[in-house]
Amino acid sequence: MRYLLYFLIMILIAPCAAKSKRHKVAPAPKVPLPYETKEDGLKICKGDPANYRQAKLNGCRIVNLPSEKTFFVYWLPPDFKNLPDRLMMVALHGANGSAYKTILDLLDTARLENFALISLQWGWPKSSLTKTSKKSKKSSTERLFSDIRQSEKQNTDPEADLVNESHDSLDYFDYLGYETVYKAAEHALSYLMESEYGDLKSSALYCPGRAATICPALALLDTKKQTGLYKLFISAYGYEEGTVMPELNNPLHGDLPLSLKNFYLFAGVRDSTAVDNLHQAKRKIMELGGRIDAVRLAPERYNGFEADPKYQREAIFFWKRNVK
């Protein structure tokens, strides 16, 4: 009888013991959400203070994207929420540029044509920003975002704890990979649409200078989406080796990986290399199924698209036409 009682007790205890030995499943890591801020988490505003101040004076606002370790600046037309056709352009900057300068380059046309702007920072200075502290597993970039967020919650000066942080000037950048750029742009669009501005009818992507070298790759990623984010890819100046990314030739993407994607191509005629590469890029994009809405060779060498609004307005014409 004693053995029977012992046996019954063991049967009752066994499930509890087994349960106690099970490993607890770790909760999924929280993805840091975008948030509006007085100054960007990469401190680009310190390296480009004039354009930063001018952007703020023109009503532009800043949103940090901690998950991609970058930020964007945005501007909205008056009463944007109630516009029947809400259009939003995502813009990248060129080499040595900044999100603040790029949004100012396009702002007059955006006011005239009544579309919103997102200017995404895809480059940041090397130095301590990309290093990881021995005392902390967080990189200095992550600590910058964390410190700025904390200082704003406490309503204190966000620069107070960062006076000893140093980083190089805007002429020495690391750059985000094109997949991260695409994801950051998605998050920027979602942030504005989901927060308070409703559905978006269409968006376009502007890639000047160095950004033009990843423009076709961004179009490739857009092709993989059933609807696609962008009705026009504006590519200017960056016609150097690598303009059409090697992965576009990967047979896994099919014969026409840029099928039905529309491009507006721009270069300055004084730069003979850029002109030659533009025509090569045009042929390659068409070979891969892309549509060329226009090719423009301007008298200016480098900054014709920003300096002459007629080119911007022409690109917007094709964008709006593609939306219909």
C-alpha atoms as a PDB file:
ATOM      1  CA  MET A   1       0.000   0.000   0.000  1.00  0.00           C
ATOM      2  CA  ARG A   2       2.831   2.298   0.881  1.00  0.00           C
ATOM      3  CA  TYR A   3       4.414   1.736  -2.554  1.00  0.00           C
ATOM      4  CA  LEU A   4       1.098   2.400  -4.287  1.00  0.00           C
ATOM      5  CA  LEU A   5       0.718   5.697  -2.462  1.00  0.00           C
ATOM      6  CA  TYR A   6       4.275   6.662  -3.403  1.00  0.00           C
ATOM      7  CA  PHE A   7       3.574   5.786  -7.047  1.00  0.00           C
ATOM      8  CA  LEU A   8       0.447   7.963  -7.121  1.00  0.00           C
ATOM      9  CA  ILE A   9       2.299  10.904  -5.608  1.00  0.00           C
ATOM     10  CA  MET A  10       5.025  10.630  -8.252  1.00  0.00           C
ATOM     11  CA  ILE A  11       2.407  10.646 -11.022  1.00  0.00           C
ATOM     12  CA  LEU A  12       0.915  13.853  -9.647  1.00  0.00           C
ATOM     13  CA  ILE A  13       4.279  15.572  -9.185  1.00  0.00           C
ATOM     14  CA  ALA A  14       5.862  14.623 -12.516  1.00  0.00           C
ATOM     15  CA  PRO A  15       3.943  17.103 -14.744  1.00  0.00           C
ATOM     16  CA  CYS A  16       4.789  19.982 -12.431  1.00  0.00           C
ATOM     17  CA  ALA A  17       8.464  19.026 -12.408  1.00  0.00           C
ATOM     18  CA  ALA A  18       8.522  18.761 -16.178  1.00  0.00           C
ATOM     19  CA  LYS A  19       6.812  22.110 -16.496  1.00  0.00           C
ATOM     20  CA  SER A  20       9.365  23.746 -14.218  1.00  0.00           C
ATOM     21  CA  LYS A  21      12.221  22.477 -16.399  1.00  0.00           C
ATOM     22  CA  ARG A  22      10.820  23.950 -19.606  1.00  0.00           C
ATOM     23  CA  HIS A  23      12.740  26.848 -21.028  1.00  0.00           C
ATOM     24  CA  LYS A  24      10.851  30.102 -21.006  1.00  0.00           C
ATOM     25  CA  VAL A  25      10.401  31.585 -24.473  1.00  0.00           C
ATOM     26  CA  ALA A  26      12.069  34.974 -24.659  1.00  0.00           C
ATOM     27  CA  PRO A  27       9.728  37.742 -25.758  1.00  0.00           C
ATOM     28  CA  ALA A  28      10.285  39.087 -29.248  1.00  0.00           C
ATOM     29  CA  PRO A  29      12.534  42.151 -29.252  1.00  0.00           C
ATOM     30  CA  LYS A  30      10.656  45.411 -29.443  1.00  0.00           C
ATOM     31  CA  VAL A  31      11.149  47.338 -32.674  1.00  0.00           C
ATOM     32  CA  PRO A  32      11.818  50.999 -31.826  1.00  0.00           C
ATOM     33  CA  LEU A  33       9.154  53.206 -33.333  1.00  0.00           C
ATOM     34  CA  PRO A  34       9.730  56.418 -35.307  1.00  0.00           C
ATOM     35  CA  TYR A  35       9.252  59.616 -33.343  1.00  0.00           C
ATOM     36  CA  GLU A  36       9.265  63.338 -34.053  1.00  0.00           C
ATOM     37  CA  THR A  37      12.165  65.278 -32.624  1.00  0.00           C
ATOM     38  CA  LYS A  38      13.671  68.747 -32.430  1.00  0.00           C
ATOM     39  CA  GLU A  39      16.930  67.595 -33.976  1.00  0.00           C
ATOM     40  CA  ASP A  40      18.044  64.461 -35.753  1.00  0.00           C
ATOM     41  CA  GLY A  41      19.603  61.486 -33.996  1.00  0.00           C
ATOM     42  CA  LEU A  42      22.706  61.530 -36.212  1.00  0.00           C
ATOM     43  CA  LYS A  43      23.437  65.184 -35.395  1.00  0.00           C
ATOM     44  CA  ILE A  44      23.568  66.063 -39.095  1.00  0.00           C
ATOM     45  CA  CYS A  45      21.958  69.328 -38.027  1.00  0.00           C
ATOM     46  CA  LYS A  46      25.316  70.201 -36.417  1.00  0.00           C
ATOM     47  CA  GLY A  47      27.219  69.589 -39.641  1.00  0.00           C
ATOM     48  CA  ASP A  48      24.725  71.474 -41.827  1.00  0.00           C
ATOM     49  CA  PRO A  49      23.310  74.143 -39.478  1.00  0.00           C
ATOM     50  CA  ALA A  50      22.327  76.697 -42.141  1.00  0.00           C
ATOM     51  CA  ASN A  51      20.113  74.286 -44.094  1.00  0.00           C
ATOM     52  CA  TYR A  52      18.792  72.819 -40.839  1.00  0.00           C
ATOM     53  CA  ARG A  53      17.648  76.232 -39.627  1.00  0.00           C
ATOM     54  CA  GLN A  54      16.206  77.144 -43.024  1.00  0.00           C
ATOM     55  CA  ALA A  55      14.266  73.891 -43.195  1.00  0.00           C
ATOM     56  CA  LYS A  56      12.821  74.505 -39.740  1.00  0.00           C
ATOM     57  CA  LEU A  57      11.850  78.072 -40.687  1.00  0.00           C
ATOM     58  CA  ASN A  58       9.983  76.682 -43.712  1.00  0.00           C
ATOM     59  CA  GLY A  59       7.873  74.404 -41.552  1.00  0.00           C
ATOM     60  CA  CYS A  60       9.798  71.168 -42.092  1.00  0.00           C
ATOM     61  CA  ARG A  61       9.719  68.594 -39.301  1.00  0.00           C
ATOM     62  CA  ILE A  62      12.129  65.853 -38.258  1.00  0.00           C
ATOM     63  CA  VAL A  63      11.384  62.205 -37.483  1.00  0.00           C
ATOM     64  CA  ASN A  64      14.018  59.806 -36.181  1.00  0.00           C
ATOM     65  CA  LEU A  65      13.975  56.203 -37.433  1.00  0.00           C
ATOM     66  CA  PRO A  66      15.855  54.292 -34.704  1.00  0.00           C
ATOM     67  CA  SER A  67      15.339  50.879 -36.322  1.00  0.00           C
ATOM     68  CA  GLU A  68      17.310  52.003 -39.410  1.00  0.00           C
ATOM     69  CA  LYS A  69      19.535  54.384 -37.382  1.00  0.00           C
ATOM     70  CA  THR A  70      18.662  57.373 -39.517  1.00  0.00           C
ATOM     71  CA  PHE A  71      15.975  60.062 -39.853  1.00  0.00           C
ATOM     72  CA  PHE A  72      13.855  61.935 -42.353  1.00  0.00           C
ATOM     73  CA  VAL A  73      12.659  65.504 -42.759  1.00  0.00           C
ATOM     74  CA  TYR A  74       9.186  66.144 -44.098  1.00  0.00           C
ATOM     75  CA  TRP A  75       7.032  68.986 -45.359  1.00  0.00           C
ATOM     76  CA  LEU A  76       3.290  68.928 -46.056  1.00  0.00           C
ATOM     77  CA  PRO A  77       1.194  71.309 -48.149  1.00  0.00           C
ATOM     78  CA  PRO A  78      -1.528  73.239 -46.316  1.00  0.00           C
ATOM     79  CA  ASP A  79      -4.575  71.103 -45.534  1.00  0.00           C
ATOM     80  CA  PHE A  80      -2.812  68.026 -46.930  1.00  0.00           C
ATOM     81  CA  LYS A  81      -5.161  65.680 -45.102  1.00  0.00           C
ATOM     82  CA  ASN A  82      -8.144  66.953 -47.082  1.00  0.00           C
ATOM     83  CA  LEU A  83      -6.554  66.993 -50.542  1.00  0.00           C
ATOM     84  CA  PRO A  84      -8.414  64.692 -52.973  1.00  0.00           C
ATOM     85  CA  ASP A  85      -5.132  63.330 -54.401  1.00  0.00           C
ATOM     86  CA  ARG A  86      -2.412  63.050 -51.785  1.00  0.00           C
ATOM     87  CA  LEU A  87       0.988  62.796 -53.479  1.00  0.00           C
ATOM     88  CA  MET A  88       4.285  62.422 -51.633  1.00  0.00           C
ATOM     89  CA  MET A  89       7.823  62.410 -53.007  1.00  0.00           C
ATOM     90  CA  VAL A  90      10.629  60.585 -51.212  1.00  0.00           C
ATOM     91  CA  ALA A  91      14.017  62.207 -51.848  1.00  0.00           C
ATOM     92  CA  LEU A  92      17.539  61.030 -51.097  1.00  0.00           C
ATOM     93  CA  HIS A  93      20.630  63.243 -50.989  1.00  0.00           C
ATOM     94  CA  GLY A  94      23.804  63.047 -53.065  1.00  0.00           C
ATOM     95  CA  ALA A  95      27.383  62.631 -51.877  1.00  0.00           C
ATOM     96  CA  ASN A  96      28.270  65.129 -49.138  1.00  0.00           C
ATOM     97  CA  GLY A  97      24.641  66.243 -49.028  1.00  0.00           C
ATOM     98  CA  SER A  98      22.025  66.186 -46.314  1.00  0.00           C
ATOM     99  CA  ALA A  99      18.302  65.629 -45.924  1.00  0.00           C
ATOM    100  CA  TYR A 100      17.966  69.320 -45.003  1.00  0.00           C
ATOM    101  CA  LYS A 101      19.561  70.610 -48.213  1.00  0.00           C
ATOM    102  CA  THR A 102      17.623  68.222 -50.445  1.00  0.00           C
ATOM    103  CA  ILE A 103      14.227  69.172 -49.058  1.00  0.00           C
ATOM    104  CA  LEU A 104      15.030  72.846 -49.595  1.00  0.00           C
ATOM    105  CA  ASP A 105      16.082  72.130 -53.202  1.00  0.00           C
ATOM    106  CA  LEU A 106      12.617  70.747 -53.950  1.00  0.00           C
ATOM    107  CA  LEU A 107      10.459  72.873 -51.672  1.00  0.00           C
ATOM    108  CA  ASP A 108       9.412  75.608 -54.117  1.00  0.00           C
ATOM    109  CA  THR A 109       8.237  73.043 -56.669  1.00  0.00           C
ATOM    110  CA  ALA A 110       6.413  71.084 -53.964  1.00  0.00           C
ATOM    111  CA  ARG A 111       4.532  74.246 -52.971  1.00  0.00           C
ATOM    112  CA  LEU A 112       3.656  75.010 -56.576  1.00  0.00           C
ATOM    113  CA  GLU A 113       2.589  71.453 -57.471  1.00  0.00           C
ATOM    114  CA  ASN A 114       0.958  70.733 -54.107  1.00  0.00           C
ATOM    115  CA  PHE A 115       2.732  67.525 -53.126  1.00  0.00           C
ATOM    116  CA  ALA A 116       4.366  66.493 -49.863  1.00  0.00           C
ATOM    117  CA  LEU A 117       8.079  65.836 -49.364  1.00  0.00           C
ATOM    118  CA  ILE A 118      10.020  63.254 -47.381  1.00  0.00           C
ATOM    119  CA  SER A 119      13.778  63.815 -47.427  1.00  0.00           C
ATOM    120  CA  LEU A 120      15.571  60.727 -46.139  1.00  0.00           C
ATOM    121  CA  GLN A 121      19.100  60.803 -44.719  1.00  0.00           C
ATOM    122  CA  TRP A 122      20.875  57.727 -46.058  1.00  0.00           C
ATOM    123  CA  GLY A 123      24.436  58.708 -45.224  1.00  0.00           C
ATOM    124  CA  TRP A 124      26.127  59.584 -41.949  1.00  0.00           C
ATOM    125  CA  PRO A 125      29.643  60.566 -40.840  1.00  0.00           C
ATOM    126  CA  LYS A 126      32.117  57.878 -39.930  1.00  0.00           C
ATOM    127  CA  SER A 127      34.042  58.005 -36.627  1.00  0.00           C
ATOM    128  CA  SER A 128      32.518  57.393 -33.227  1.00  0.00           C
ATOM    129  CA  LEU A 129      29.029  57.111 -34.670  1.00  0.00           C
ATOM    130  CA  THR A 130      29.711  53.610 -35.968  1.00  0.00           C
ATOM    131  CA  LYS A 131      31.864  52.306 -33.133  1.00  0.00           C
ATOM    132  CA  THR A 132      30.657  50.140 -30.270  1.00  0.00           C
ATOM    133  CA  SER A 133      31.605  51.024 -26.719  1.00  0.00           C
ATOM    134  CA  LYS A 134      33.492  48.411 -24.669  1.00  0.00           C
ATOM    135  CA  LYS A 135      31.277  49.238 -21.690  1.00  0.00           C
ATOM    136  CA  SER A 136      28.068  48.954 -23.664  1.00  0.00           C
ATOM    137  CA  LYS A 137      26.884  46.731 -26.486  1.00  0.00           C
ATOM    138  CA  LYS A 138      25.134  49.733 -27.994  1.00  0.00           C
ATOM    139  CA  SER A 139      26.908  51.540 -30.814  1.00  0.00           C
ATOM    140  CA  SER A 140      27.436  55.273 -30.477  1.00  0.00           C
ATOM    141  CA  THR A 141      24.738  55.745 -33.116  1.00  0.00           C
ATOM    142  CA  GLU A 142      22.233  53.889 -30.923  1.00  0.00           C
ATOM    143  CA  ARG A 143      23.308  55.874 -27.870  1.00  0.00           C
ATOM    144  CA  LEU A 144      22.817  59.146 -29.760  1.00  0.00           C
ATOM    145  CA  PHE A 145      19.219  58.224 -30.576  1.00  0.00           C
ATOM    146  CA  SER A 146      18.618  57.016 -27.012  1.00  0.00           C
ATOM    147  CA  ASP A 147      20.133  60.116 -25.401  1.00  0.00           C
ATOM    148  CA  ILE A 148      18.183  62.539 -27.614  1.00  0.00           C
ATOM    149  CA  ARG A 149      14.905  60.729 -26.917  1.00  0.00           C
ATOM    150  CA  GLN A 150      15.568  60.783 -23.168  1.00  0.00           C
ATOM    151  CA  SER A 151      16.536  64.466 -23.133  1.00  0.00           C
ATOM    152  CA  GLU A 152      13.329  65.421 -24.944  1.00  0.00           C
ATOM    153  CA  LYS A 153      11.200  63.415 -22.496  1.00  0.00           C
ATOM    154  CA  GLN A 154      12.823  65.353 -19.662  1.00  0.00           C
ATOM    155  CA  ASN A 155      12.380  68.631 -21.546  1.00  0.00           C
ATOM    156  CA  THR A 156      16.100  69.357 -21.296  1.00  0.00           C
ATOM    157  CA  ASP A 157      18.659  70.508 -23.808  1.00  0.00           C
ATOM    158  CA  PRO A 158      19.295  67.495 -26.104  1.00  0.00           C
ATOM    159  CA  GLU A 159      22.871  68.676 -26.643  1.00  0.00           C
ATOM    160  CA  ALA A 160      23.772  68.780 -22.974  1.00  0.00           C
ATOM    161  CA  ASP A 161      25.075  65.212 -22.675  1.00  0.00           C
ATOM    162  CA  LEU A 162      26.614  65.111 -26.130  1.00  0.00           C
ATOM    163  CA  VAL A 163      29.135  67.932 -25.925  1.00  0.00           C
ATOM    164  CA  ASN A 164      32.028  65.469 -26.042  1.00  0.00           C
ATOM    165  CA  GLU A 165      30.637  63.497 -28.998  1.00  0.00           C
ATOM    166  CA  SER A 166      32.612  64.203 -32.145  1.00  0.00           C
ATOM    167  CA  HIS A 167      32.002  63.197 -35.729  1.00  0.00           C
ATOM    168  CA  ASP A 168      33.442  64.129 -39.055  1.00  0.00           C
ATOM    169  CA  SER A 169      32.043  66.740 -41.410  1.00  0.00           C
ATOM    170  CA  LEU A 170      29.484  65.934 -44.069  1.00  0.00           C
ATOM    171  CA  ASP A 171      32.148  65.149 -46.653  1.00  0.00           C
ATOM    172  CA  TYR A 172      33.000  61.778 -45.125  1.00  0.00           C
ATOM    173  CA  PHE A 173      29.991  59.482 -45.156  1.00  0.00           C
ATOM    174  CA  ASP A 174      29.101  55.887 -44.679  1.00  0.00           C
ATOM    175  CA  TYR A 175      25.936  54.997 -46.593  1.00  0.00           C
ATOM    176  CA  LEU A 176      23.007  52.746 -45.844  1.00  0.00           C
ATOM    177  CA  GLY A 177      22.546  49.731 -48.097  1.00  0.00           C
ATOM    178  CA  TYR A 178      19.810  50.047 -50.693  1.00  0.00           C
ATOM    179  CA  GLU A 179      17.603  47.470 -48.914  1.00  0.00           C
ATOM    180  CA  THR A 180      17.782  49.512 -45.709  1.00  0.00           C
ATOM    181  CA  VAL A 181      17.068  52.690 -47.679  1.00  0.00           C
ATOM    182  CA  TYR A 182      13.938  51.120 -49.167  1.00  0.00           C
ATOM    183  CA  LYS A 183      12.770  49.909 -45.759  1.00  0.00           C
ATOM    184  CA  ALA A 184      13.408  53.320 -44.170  1.00  0.00           C
ATOM    185  CA  ALA A 185      11.394  55.007 -46.929  1.00  0.00           C
ATOM    186  CA  GLU A 186       8.557  52.541 -46.324  1.00  0.00           C
ATOM    187  CA  HIS A 187       8.587  53.353 -42.624  1.00  0.00           C
ATOM    188  CA  ALA A 188       8.612  57.083 -43.337  1.00  0.00           C
ATOM    189  CA  LEU A 189       5.589  56.835 -45.637  1.00  0.00           C
ATOM    190  CA  SER A 190       3.755  54.565 -43.182  1.00  0.00           C
ATOM    191  CA  TYR A 191       4.502  56.895 -40.284  1.00  0.00           C
ATOM    192  CA  LEU A 192       2.852  59.855 -41.996  1.00  0.00           C
ATOM    193  CA  MET A 193      -0.050  57.949 -43.499  1.00  0.00           C
ATOM    194  CA  GLU A 194      -0.956  55.929 -40.419  1.00  0.00           C
ATOM    195  CA  SER A 195      -0.492  58.719 -37.914  1.00  0.00           C
ATOM    196  CA  GLU A 196      -2.983  61.267 -39.220  1.00  0.00           C
ATOM    197  CA  TYR A 197      -2.917  61.799 -42.952  1.00  0.00           C
ATOM    198  CA  GLY A 198      -4.879  58.852 -44.332  1.00  0.00           C
ATOM    199  CA  ASP A 199      -4.311  57.024 -47.576  1.00  0.00           C
ATOM    200  CA  LEU A 200      -1.681  58.048 -50.088  1.00  0.00           C
ATOM    201  CA  LYS A 201      -2.539  58.063 -53.789  1.00  0.00           C
ATOM    202  CA  SER A 202       1.006  57.928 -55.135  1.00  0.00           C
ATOM    203  CA  SER A 203       4.665  58.522 -54.387  1.00  0.00           C
ATOM    204  CA  ALA A 204       7.800  59.158 -56.460  1.00  0.00           C
ATOM    205  CA  LEU A 205      11.483  58.666 -55.627  1.00  0.00           C
ATOM    206  CA  TYR A 206      14.192  61.262 -56.316  1.00  0.00           C
ATOM    207  CA  CYS A 207      17.795  59.988 -56.442  1.00  0.00           C
ATOM    208  CA  PRO A 208      20.462  62.649 -57.146  1.00  0.00           C
ATOM    209  CA  GLY A 209      24.214  62.113 -57.366  1.00  0.00           C
ATOM    210  CA  ARG A 210      25.428  59.082 -55.487  1.00  0.00           C
ATOM    211  CA  ALA A 211      21.842  58.029 -54.789  1.00  0.00           C
ATOM    212  CA  ALA A 212      21.320  57.540 -58.543  1.00  0.00           C
ATOM    213  CA  THR A 213      23.704  54.578 -58.385  1.00  0.00           C
ATOM    214  CA  ILE A 214      21.182  52.635 -56.275  1.00  0.00           C
ATOM    215  CA  CYS A 215      18.066  53.924 -58.038  1.00  0.00           C
ATOM    216  CA  PRO A 216      17.584  50.844 -60.282  1.00  0.00           C
ATOM    217  CA  ALA A 217      18.085  48.541 -57.304  1.00  0.00           C
ATOM    218  CA  LEU A 218      15.386  50.415 -55.398  1.00  0.00           C
ATOM    219  CA  ALA A 219      13.126  50.010 -58.425  1.00  0.00           C
ATOM    220  CA  LEU A 220      13.855  46.276 -58.343  1.00  0.00           C
ATOM    221  CA  LEU A 221      12.722  46.058 -54.715  1.00  0.00           C
ATOM    222  CA  ASP A 222       9.621  48.026 -55.652  1.00  0.00           C
ATOM    223  CA  THR A 223       8.848  45.523 -58.411  1.00  0.00           C
ATOM    224  CA  LYS A 224       8.598  42.765 -55.812  1.00  0.00           C
ATOM    225  CA  LYS A 225       5.651  44.525 -54.214  1.00  0.00           C
ATOM    226  CA  GLN A 226       2.250  43.770 -55.687  1.00  0.00           C
ATOM    227  CA  THR A 227       1.276  47.419 -55.958  1.00  0.00           C
ATOM    228  CA  GLY A 228       4.642  49.148 -55.679  1.00  0.00           C
ATOM    229  CA  LEU A 229       5.290  52.370 -53.829  1.00  0.00           C
ATOM    230  CA  TYR A 230       6.610  54.555 -56.635  1.00  0.00           C
ATOM    231  CA  LYS A 231       5.128  55.695 -59.948  1.00  0.00           C
ATOM    232  CA  LEU A 232       8.323  57.460 -61.042  1.00  0.00           C
ATOM    233  CA  PHE A 233      12.055  57.136 -60.324  1.00  0.00           C
ATOM    234  CA  ILE A 234      13.925  60.400 -60.918  1.00  0.00           C
ATOM    235  CA  SER A 235      17.622  59.692 -61.396  1.00  0.00           C
ATOM    236  CA  ALA A 236      20.082  62.574 -61.758  1.00  0.00           C
ATOM    237  CA  TYR A 237      23.874  62.932 -62.072  1.00  0.00           C
ATOM    238  CA  GLY A 238      25.002  59.608 -60.618  1.00  0.00           C
ATOM    239  CA  TYR A 239      25.942  57.897 -63.860  1.00  0.00           C
ATOM    240  CA  GLU A 240      29.134  56.156 -62.900  1.00  0.00           C
ATOM    241  CA  GLU A 241      30.176  52.536 -62.727  1.00  0.00           C
ATOM    242  CA  GLY A 242      27.569  50.641 -60.748  1.00  0.00           C
ATOM    243  CA  THR A 243      24.597  52.789 -61.768  1.00  0.00           C
ATOM    244  CA  VAL A 244      22.725  49.663 -62.793  1.00  0.00           C
ATOM    245  CA  MET A 245      23.350  47.330 -59.886  1.00  0.00           C
ATOM    246  CA  PRO A 246      24.871  43.894 -60.697  1.00  0.00           C
ATOM    247  CA  GLU A 247      22.069  42.067 -58.893  1.00  0.00           C
ATOM    248  CA  LEU A 248      19.643  43.274 -61.538  1.00  0.00           C
ATOM    249  CA  ASN A 249      21.224  40.706 -63.852  1.00  0.00           C
ATOM    250  CA  ASN A 250      20.511  37.863 -61.455  1.00  0.00           C
ATOM    251  CA  PRO A 251      18.349  35.345 -63.352  1.00  0.00           C
ATOM    252  CA  LEU A 252      16.344  34.764 -60.163  1.00  0.00           C
ATOM    253  CA  HIS A 253      14.677  38.140 -60.804  1.00  0.00           C
ATOM    254  CA  GLY A 254      13.381  37.058 -64.202  1.00  0.00           C
ATOM    255  CA  ASP A 255      13.991  38.497 -67.656  1.00  0.00           C
ATOM    256  CA  LEU A 256      12.361  41.888 -66.984  1.00  0.00           C
ATOM    257  CA  PRO A 257      12.999  42.786 -63.328  1.00  0.00           C
ATOM    258  CA  LEU A 258      12.192  46.475 -63.912  1.00  0.00           C
ATOM    259  CA  SER A 259       8.970  45.747 -65.757  1.00  0.00           C
ATOM    260  CA  LEU A 260       6.577  48.717 -65.839  1.00  0.00           C
ATOM    261  CA  LYS A 261       8.825  50.928 -63.701  1.00  0.00           C
ATOM    262  CA  ASN A 262       9.062  54.507 -64.996  1.00  0.00           C
ATOM    263  CA  PHE A 263      12.267  56.579 -65.024  1.00  0.00           C
ATOM    264  CA  TYR A 264      13.174  60.221 -65.611  1.00  0.00           C
ATOM    265  CA  LEU A 265      16.917  60.505 -66.373  1.00  0.00           C
ATOM    266  CA  PHE A 266      18.942  63.706 -66.066  1.00  0.00           C
ATOM    267  CA  ALA A 267      22.571  64.734 -66.611  1.00  0.00           C
ATOM    268  CA  GLY A 268      24.616  67.831 -67.541  1.00  0.00           C
ATOM    269  CA  VAL A 269      26.102  67.991 -71.048  1.00  0.00           C
ATOM    270  CA  ARG A 270      29.367  69.469 -69.789  1.00  0.00           C
ATOM    271  CA  ASP A 271      30.154  66.188 -68.112  1.00  0.00           C
ATOM    272  CA  SER A 272      30.887  63.907 -71.063  1.00  0.00           C
ATOM    273  CA  THR A 273      31.392  60.850 -68.870  1.00  0.00           C
ATOM    274  CA  ALA A 274      28.027  61.381 -67.216  1.00  0.00           C
ATOM    275  CA  VAL A 275      26.338  61.721 -70.615  1.00  0.00           C
ATOM    276  CA  ASP A 276      27.895  58.487 -71.913  1.00  0.00           C
ATOM    277  CA  ASN A 277      26.931  56.624 -68.777  1.00  0.00           C
ATOM    278  CA  LEU A 278      23.415  58.057 -68.895  1.00  0.00           C
ATOM    279  CA  HIS A 279      22.863  56.530 -72.328  1.00  0.00           C
ATOM    280  CA  GLN A 280      24.302  53.213 -71.116  1.00  0.00           C
ATOM    281  CA  ALA A 281      21.972  53.307 -68.131  1.00  0.00           C
ATOM    282  CA  LYS A 282      19.026  54.098 -70.410  1.00  0.00           C
ATOM    283  CA  ARG A 283      19.751  51.088 -72.633  1.00  0.00           C
ATOM    284  CA  LYS A 284      20.184  48.784 -69.646  1.00  0.00           C
ATOM    285  CA  ILE A 285      17.023  49.941 -67.891  1.00  0.00           C
ATOM    286  CA  MET A 286      15.005  49.433 -71.064  1.00  0.00           C
ATOM    287  CA  GLU A 287      16.603  46.017 -71.579  1.00  0.00           C
ATOM    288  CA  LEU A 288      15.397  45.059 -68.110  1.00  0.00           C
ATOM    289  CA  GLY A 289      11.838  46.187 -68.822  1.00  0.00           C
ATOM    290  CA  GLY A 290      11.904  49.717 -67.436  1.00  0.00           C
ATOM    291  CA  ARG A 291      10.107  52.599 -69.147  1.00  0.00           C
ATOM    292  CA  ILE A 292      11.988  55.837 -69.868  1.00  0.00           C
ATOM    293  CA  ASP A 293       9.614  58.791 -69.607  1.00  0.00           C
ATOM    294  CA  ALA A 294      12.290  61.345 -70.504  1.00  0.00           C
ATOM    295  CA  VAL A 295      16.041  61.858 -70.838  1.00  0.00           C
ATOM    296  CA  ARG A 296      17.236  65.410 -70.250  1.00  0.00           C
ATOM    297  CA  LEU A 297      20.734  66.752 -70.938  1.00  0.00           C
ATOM    298  CA  ALA A 298      20.996  70.166 -69.333  1.00  0.00           C
ATOM    299  CA  PRO A 299      23.604  72.901 -69.982  1.00  0.00           C
ATOM    300  CA  GLU A 300      24.594  72.766 -66.321  1.00  0.00           C
ATOM    301  CA  ARG A 301      27.163  70.218 -65.252  1.00  0.00           C
ATOM    302  CA  TYR A 302      26.134  69.176 -61.757  1.00  0.00           C
ATOM    303  CA  ASN A 303      23.199  71.008 -60.229  1.00  0.00           C
ATOM    304  CA  GLY A 304      20.849  71.683 -63.126  1.00  0.00           C
ATOM    305  CA  PHE A 305      17.943  69.709 -61.689  1.00  0.00           C
ATOM    306  CA  GLU A 306      18.039  71.658 -58.428  1.00  0.00           C
ATOM    307  CA  ALA A 307      18.925  75.015 -60.012  1.00  0.00           C
ATOM    308  CA  ASP A 308      16.282  75.086 -62.751  1.00  0.00           C
ATOM    309  CA  PRO A 309      12.732  74.328 -61.549  1.00  0.00           C
ATOM    310  CA  LYS A 310      11.553  73.589 -65.091  1.00  0.00           C
ATOM    311  CA  TYR A 311      13.206  70.165 -64.923  1.00  0.00           C
ATOM    312  CA  GLN A 312      11.552  69.460 -61.594  1.00  0.00           C
ATOM    313  CA  ARG A 313       8.158  70.497 -62.931  1.00  0.00           C
ATOM    314  CA  GLU A 314       8.638  68.317 -65.998  1.00  0.00           C
ATOM    315  CA  ALA A 315       9.413  65.294 -63.816  1.00  0.00           C
ATOM    316  CA  ILE A 316       6.318  66.038 -61.726  1.00  0.00           C
ATOM    317  CA  PHE A 317       4.260  66.152 -64.937  1.00  0.00           C
ATOM    318  CA  PHE A 318       5.325  62.604 -65.793  1.00  0.00           C
ATOM    319  CA  TRP A 319       4.726  61.476 -62.215  1.00  0.00           C
ATOM    320  CA  LYS A 320       1.167  62.792 -62.195  1.00  0.00           C
ATOM    321  CA  ARG A 321       0.542  61.365 -65.654  1.00  0.00           C
ATOM    322  CA  ASN A 322       1.644  57.919 -64.476  1.00  0.00           C
ATOM    323  CA  VAL A 323      -0.773  58.110 -61.539  1.00  0.00           C
ATOM    324  CA  LYS A 324      -3.842  58.510 -63.762  1.00  0.00           C
END
